[in-house]
Amino acid sequence: MAQMAAGNRLDMAVPQGATGGTGAPRAVPTAKADTVIAAKNVTAGYENRRKKTRLIALRDISLEVRRGEFLAIVGPSGCGKSTFVNMVAGFLKPLAGTIEVEGKPVRGTGADRAMVFQDYALLPWRTVEKNVIFAMENRRDRPSKKEQAERVAEALELVGLTGFEKSYPHELSGGMRQRVGIARALVTKPDILLMDEPFGAVDAMTREAMQAEFEKIIAQSHQTVVFITHSIDEAVMLGDRVAVISNRPGRIKEIVDIDLPRPRLDGSAKTNPRSAELREHIWSLLQAEALGAKEAKS
């Protein structure tokens, strides 16, 4: 059902029967696919210079993410999940080891990567279309105004916000604001989408609807996705693989291959006995981790 990550290294396995949101085969990773993201013996954390202390969030992580893969990462709060995507984005540097994108060490942010945050991060004085355009304004290869307008229209159509171009963030629901954040990430046409609990701030019904829409979007764009979540169900429904992270300092406990056919969020996957098995297995890993943490404190 799952493979153990020997030495904390995640080797690629291919989900079987994966298809895109339209029923056509989805471009999933194969054994010969290129490695897009590579973490090599990475230790990461935060230094408090005033107190002269160091908090280690991740320790000795080695991980490969291949082109077109949807990797979901789950683990307890504080285990370093967000730290990992922030390093891939170029916001943070590892204390040891290297993070590589397309074979080159990450030195900072880049147009090939886009981040979707949990808290929307919209500019309240800008309309929907102006918030989306913002992602292209400071790029060296900024498209022409005509192309920008075309890209914005395409991105808003993908997330279901056509007709709300002139609305302001305060006029939108939480789910709609998050769709603007996703459109802003999509409009630059990045190779890699980094998503840190993107649906965590919306209600349960909106969350399910957005998951279904996002599955369709990725089936069309074939982007590489690294997706942070606390929800086992969300990880199973969206991911090609799920990386389970231990308590801080985070280490890779196991990599679980999600061998469910796509599309998954049309209702069929939730009633598939295999999805229940996968959820139960991942929960057993997290439950054991939580119990282990309590024992360590006692």
Protein backbone atom coordinates (compact mmCIF):
# COMPACT_ATOMS: atom_id res chain seq x y z
CA MET A 1 0.00 0.00 0.00
CA ALA A 2 2.81 2.37 0.74
CA GLN A 3 6.57 2.51 0.55
CA MET A 4 8.83 3.29 3.47
CA ALA A 5 11.18 6.19 2.80
CA ALA A 6 14.54 4.59 3.41
CA GLY A 7 16.98 7.10 4.87
CA ASN A 8 14.29 9.81 4.59
CA ARG A 9 14.57 9.75 0.80
CA LEU A 10 11.39 9.80 -1.26
CA ASP A 11 11.73 7.86 -4.49
CA MET A 12 9.17 8.32 -7.22
CA ALA A 13 6.31 5.89 -7.65
CA VAL A 14 3.61 6.27 -10.26
CA PRO A 15 -0.10 6.37 -9.37
CA GLN A 16 -2.04 3.88 -11.45
CA GLY A 17 -5.05 4.83 -13.56
CA ALA A 18 -4.74 8.58 -12.96
CA THR A 19 -6.77 10.64 -15.39
CA GLY A 20 -7.44 14.32 -15.88
CA GLY A 21 -10.57 16.22 -14.93
CA THR A 22 -12.05 15.70 -18.38
CA GLY A 23 -11.49 11.95 -18.32
CA ALA A 24 -8.37 12.18 -20.50
CA PRO A 25 -5.14 10.71 -19.08
CA ARG A 26 -3.47 13.16 -16.71
CA ALA A 27 0.26 13.74 -17.18
CA VAL A 28 1.58 12.04 -14.05
CA PRO A 29 5.24 11.40 -13.27
CA THR A 30 7.00 8.34 -14.66
CA ALA A 31 10.25 6.66 -13.77
CA LYS A 32 11.99 8.58 -16.56
CA ALA A 33 10.42 11.95 -15.74
CA ASP A 34 12.69 14.88 -14.92
CA THR A 35 13.30 15.87 -11.34
CA VAL A 36 12.06 19.44 -10.90
CA ILE A 37 12.62 19.95 -7.16
CA ALA A 38 15.37 18.24 -5.18
CA ALA A 39 16.04 18.66 -1.47
CA LYS A 40 19.40 17.17 -0.51
CA ASN A 41 20.12 16.50 3.18
CA VAL A 42 18.32 19.69 4.17
CA THR A 43 18.20 20.94 7.73
CA ALA A 44 16.22 24.14 8.27
CA GLY A 45 15.26 26.32 11.18
CA TYR A 46 15.16 29.75 12.72
CA GLU A 47 17.73 31.59 14.79
CA ASN A 48 16.88 33.96 17.65
CA ARG A 49 19.92 36.20 17.79
CA ARG A 50 18.69 38.04 20.88
CA LYS A 51 18.36 34.82 22.88
CA LYS A 52 21.17 33.11 20.99
CA THR A 53 19.02 30.06 20.34
CA ARG A 54 18.16 28.04 17.27
CA LEU A 55 14.90 26.20 16.54
CA ILE A 56 15.32 23.30 14.11
CA ALA A 57 12.16 22.83 12.03
CA LEU A 58 13.39 20.15 9.58
CA ARG A 59 16.34 17.80 9.87
CA ASP A 60 18.19 15.90 7.12
CA ILE A 61 15.40 15.92 4.54
CA SER A 62 16.06 14.45 1.10
CA LEU A 63 13.20 14.62 -1.38
CA GLU A 64 12.65 14.62 -5.14
CA VAL A 65 9.56 16.02 -6.83
CA ARG A 66 9.14 15.20 -10.50
CA ARG A 67 7.61 17.19 -13.29
CA GLY A 68 3.82 17.13 -13.30
CA GLU A 69 3.58 15.57 -9.84
CA PHE A 70 1.07 16.69 -7.21
CA LEU A 71 2.84 16.15 -3.89
CA ALA A 72 0.77 16.69 -0.74
CA ILE A 73 2.58 17.09 2.58
CA VAL A 74 0.86 16.37 5.90
CA GLY A 75 2.13 16.44 9.44
CA PRO A 76 1.52 17.93 12.89
CA SER A 77 1.65 21.69 13.43
CA GLY A 78 5.19 22.99 13.69
CA CYS A 79 6.79 20.05 11.87
CA GLY A 80 8.34 22.22 9.14
CA LYS A 81 5.85 21.80 6.28
CA SER A 82 5.61 25.52 5.58
CA THR A 83 9.35 25.89 6.06
CA PHE A 84 9.91 23.45 3.21
CA VAL A 85 7.72 25.28 0.67
CA ASN A 86 9.20 28.62 1.76
CA MET A 87 12.67 27.28 0.96
CA VAL A 88 11.53 26.06 -2.46
CA ALA A 89 9.95 29.48 -3.07
CA GLY A 90 13.23 31.16 -2.17
CA PHE A 91 11.96 32.99 0.92
CA LEU A 92 14.19 31.02 3.31
CA LYS A 93 17.60 29.38 3.09
CA PRO A 94 18.44 25.99 4.62
CA LEU A 95 20.88 25.85 7.51
CA ALA A 96 22.49 22.81 5.87
CA GLY A 97 22.04 20.96 2.59
CA THR A 98 20.64 22.34 -0.64
CA ILE A 99 17.30 22.95 -2.36
CA GLU A 100 17.49 22.72 -6.15
CA VAL A 101 14.96 23.64 -8.84
CA GLU A 102 15.67 22.35 -12.34
CA GLY A 103 19.12 21.24 -11.17
CA LYS A 104 20.19 24.67 -9.86
CA PRO A 105 20.42 25.76 -6.20
CA VAL A 106 17.64 28.10 -5.14
CA ARG A 107 19.16 31.54 -4.52
CA GLY A 108 15.92 33.48 -4.21
CA THR A 109 12.47 33.83 -5.74
CA GLY A 110 11.88 33.17 -9.43
CA ALA A 111 9.24 33.43 -12.13
CA ASP A 112 9.18 29.65 -12.44
CA ARG A 113 7.57 29.37 -8.98
CA ALA A 114 4.39 30.88 -7.54
CA MET A 115 3.04 30.77 -4.00
CA VAL A 116 -0.57 30.60 -2.80
CA PHE A 117 -0.94 31.55 0.87
CA GLN A 118 -3.60 30.59 3.39
CA ASP A 119 -4.49 34.18 4.30
CA TYR A 120 -5.32 35.39 0.74
CA ALA A 121 -2.68 38.21 0.86
CA LEU A 122 -4.76 40.48 -1.39
CA LEU A 123 -4.32 44.24 -1.66
CA PRO A 124 -7.63 45.69 -0.35
CA TRP A 125 -7.42 48.88 -2.42
CA ARG A 126 -7.14 46.96 -5.69
CA THR A 127 -9.88 45.32 -7.70
CA VAL A 128 -9.85 41.62 -8.51
CA GLU A 129 -8.21 42.15 -11.89
CA LYS A 130 -5.66 44.59 -10.46
CA ASN A 131 -4.74 42.10 -7.73
CA VAL A 132 -4.14 39.45 -10.38
CA ILE A 133 -2.17 41.82 -12.63
CA PHE A 134 0.05 42.68 -9.65
CA ALA A 135 1.86 39.34 -10.11
CA MET A 136 3.13 40.49 -13.53
CA GLU A 137 3.93 44.13 -12.78
CA ASN A 138 7.45 43.76 -11.42
CA ARG A 139 8.67 41.05 -13.77
CA ARG A 140 11.57 41.77 -16.08
CA ASP A 141 9.75 39.97 -18.87
CA ARG A 142 6.48 41.77 -18.20
CA PRO A 143 3.96 40.99 -20.94
CA SER A 144 2.33 43.71 -23.00
CA LYS A 145 -0.87 45.27 -21.66
CA LYS A 146 -2.87 43.30 -24.19
CA GLU A 147 -1.29 40.00 -23.13
CA GLN A 148 -1.73 40.89 -19.46
CA ALA A 149 -5.44 41.48 -20.02
CA GLU A 150 -5.75 38.17 -21.89
CA ARG A 151 -3.91 36.28 -19.13
CA VAL A 152 -6.06 37.84 -16.41
CA ALA A 153 -9.24 36.91 -18.25
CA GLU A 154 -7.99 33.34 -18.72
CA ALA A 155 -6.94 32.96 -15.07
CA LEU A 156 -10.23 34.36 -13.74
CA GLU A 157 -12.18 32.05 -16.01
CA LEU A 158 -10.21 29.06 -14.72
CA VAL A 159 -11.10 29.89 -11.10
CA GLY A 160 -14.71 30.81 -11.87
CA LEU A 161 -14.50 34.57 -11.27
CA THR A 162 -15.42 35.92 -14.69
CA GLY A 163 -17.71 38.89 -14.07
CA PHE A 164 -16.02 39.92 -10.81
CA GLU A 165 -13.08 41.74 -12.38
CA LYS A 166 -14.07 45.14 -10.94
CA SER A 167 -14.99 43.88 -7.47
CA TYR A 168 -12.87 44.67 -4.41
CA PRO A 169 -11.74 42.02 -1.89
CA HIS A 170 -14.19 43.22 0.79
CA GLU A 171 -17.03 42.55 -1.63
CA LEU A 172 -16.08 38.88 -2.00
CA SER A 173 -16.62 35.80 0.14
CA GLY A 174 -13.63 34.04 1.70
CA GLY A 175 -13.71 31.36 -0.97
CA MET A 176 -13.79 33.94 -3.75
CA ARG A 177 -10.86 35.83 -2.23
CA GLN A 178 -8.85 32.64 -2.20
CA ARG A 179 -9.73 32.06 -5.85
CA VAL A 180 -8.23 35.48 -6.59
CA GLY A 181 -5.05 34.33 -4.87
CA ILE A 182 -4.97 31.20 -7.01
CA ALA A 183 -5.63 33.23 -10.18
CA ARG A 184 -2.76 35.54 -9.25
CA ALA A 185 -0.47 32.51 -9.02
CA LEU A 186 -1.72 31.03 -12.30
CA VAL A 187 -1.49 34.23 -14.33
CA THR A 188 2.31 34.15 -14.46
CA LYS A 189 2.15 30.61 -15.89
CA PRO A 190 4.69 29.19 -13.41
CA ASP A 191 6.10 25.69 -13.74
CA ILE A 192 5.67 25.09 -10.00
CA LEU A 193 2.76 25.94 -7.71
CA LEU A 194 3.56 26.06 -4.00
CA MET A 195 0.44 26.03 -1.84
CA ASP A 196 0.47 26.52 1.93
CA GLU A 197 -2.91 25.46 3.38
CA PRO A 198 -4.71 27.35 0.57
CA PHE A 199 -8.20 26.18 1.56
CA GLY A 200 -7.68 26.21 5.31
CA ALA A 201 -9.51 29.48 5.93
CA VAL A 202 -12.78 28.64 4.14
CA ASP A 203 -15.81 26.69 5.33
CA ALA A 204 -16.15 22.95 4.71
CA MET A 205 -18.61 23.19 1.80
CA THR A 206 -16.57 25.86 0.01
CA ARG A 207 -13.42 23.84 0.61
CA GLU A 208 -14.83 20.76 -1.15
CA ALA A 209 -16.01 22.86 -4.09
CA MET A 210 -12.60 24.53 -4.42
CA GLN A 211 -10.81 21.19 -4.24
CA ALA A 212 -12.89 19.92 -7.15
CA GLU A 213 -12.22 23.07 -9.18
CA PHE A 214 -8.52 22.95 -8.42
CA GLU A 215 -8.26 19.32 -9.52
CA LYS A 216 -9.73 20.35 -12.89
CA ILE A 217 -7.37 23.33 -13.18
CA ILE A 218 -4.27 21.20 -12.57
CA ALA A 219 -5.55 18.56 -15.01
CA GLN A 220 -5.46 21.30 -17.66
CA SER A 221 -2.23 23.06 -16.67
CA HIS A 222 -0.15 19.95 -15.78
CA GLN A 223 1.86 22.05 -13.32
CA THR A 224 4.03 20.59 -10.60
CA VAL A 225 2.33 21.19 -7.24
CA VAL A 226 3.62 21.03 -3.67
CA PHE A 227 0.57 21.28 -1.42
CA ILE A 228 0.65 21.71 2.37
CA THR A 229 -2.40 20.56 4.32
CA HIS A 230 -3.52 19.34 7.74
CA SER A 231 -6.41 17.41 6.15
CA ILE A 232 -5.79 13.74 5.37
CA ASP A 233 -8.91 13.65 3.18
CA GLU A 234 -7.65 16.63 1.17
CA ALA A 235 -4.23 15.06 0.72
CA VAL A 236 -5.73 11.77 -0.50
CA MET A 237 -8.22 13.43 -2.84
CA LEU A 238 -5.67 15.75 -4.49
CA GLY A 239 -2.22 14.16 -4.24
CA ASP A 240 -0.34 11.74 -6.46
CA ARG A 241 1.80 11.06 -3.39
CA VAL A 242 1.49 12.09 0.25
CA ALA A 243 4.59 12.77 2.32
CA VAL A 244 3.99 12.23 6.04
CA ILE A 245 6.23 14.38 8.26
CA SER A 246 7.12 13.66 11.89
CA ASN A 247 6.99 16.04 14.83
CA ARG A 248 9.62 18.79 15.00
CA PRO A 249 12.32 18.53 13.97
CA GLY A 250 10.48 17.20 10.96
CA ARG A 251 11.68 14.09 9.21
CA ILE A 252 10.00 12.10 6.45
CA LYS A 253 8.22 9.15 8.06
CA GLU A 254 6.79 7.61 4.93
CA ILE A 255 5.76 8.30 1.36
CA VAL A 256 2.30 7.02 0.41
CA ASP A 257 1.37 6.49 -3.24
CA ILE A 258 -2.23 7.51 -3.93
CA ASP A 259 -3.29 4.96 -6.52
CA LEU A 260 -6.82 6.24 -7.08
CA PRO A 261 -8.18 7.05 -10.57
CA ARG A 262 -8.94 10.65 -11.54
CA PRO A 263 -11.10 12.62 -11.45
CA ARG A 264 -11.49 11.95 -7.74
CA LEU A 265 -13.70 14.78 -6.61
CA ASP A 266 -16.72 13.80 -8.68
CA GLY A 267 -17.88 11.65 -5.78
CA SER A 268 -16.65 8.24 -6.91
CA ALA A 269 -13.30 8.32 -5.11
CA LYS A 270 -14.84 9.01 -1.73
CA THR A 271 -16.85 5.80 -1.89
CA ASN A 272 -13.93 3.77 -3.21
CA PRO A 273 -12.77 1.32 -0.49
CA ARG A 274 -9.18 2.06 -1.46
CA SER A 275 -9.52 5.73 -0.43
CA ALA A 276 -10.66 4.62 3.02
CA GLU A 277 -7.62 2.33 3.29
CA LEU A 278 -5.29 5.16 2.34
CA ARG A 279 -6.87 7.59 4.80
CA GLU A 280 -6.67 5.01 7.58
CA HIS A 281 -3.03 4.27 6.85
CA ILE A 282 -2.01 7.93 6.86
CA TRP A 283 -4.00 8.54 10.03
CA SER A 284 -2.23 5.60 11.70
CA LEU A 285 1.10 7.26 10.93
CA LEU A 286 -0.02 10.62 12.31
CA GLN A 287 -1.77 9.10 15.30
CA ALA A 288 1.33 7.15 16.23
CA GLU A 289 3.36 10.36 15.86
CA ALA A 290 1.02 12.24 18.20
CA LEU A 291 1.17 9.46 20.79
CA GLY A 292 4.95 9.36 20.52
CA ALA A 293 5.13 13.10 21.16
CA LYS A 294 3.03 12.74 24.32
CA GLU A 295 5.22 9.91 25.60
CA ALA A 296 8.35 11.97 25.01
CA LYS A 297 6.94 14.80 27.15
CA SER A 298 5.85 12.53 30.02
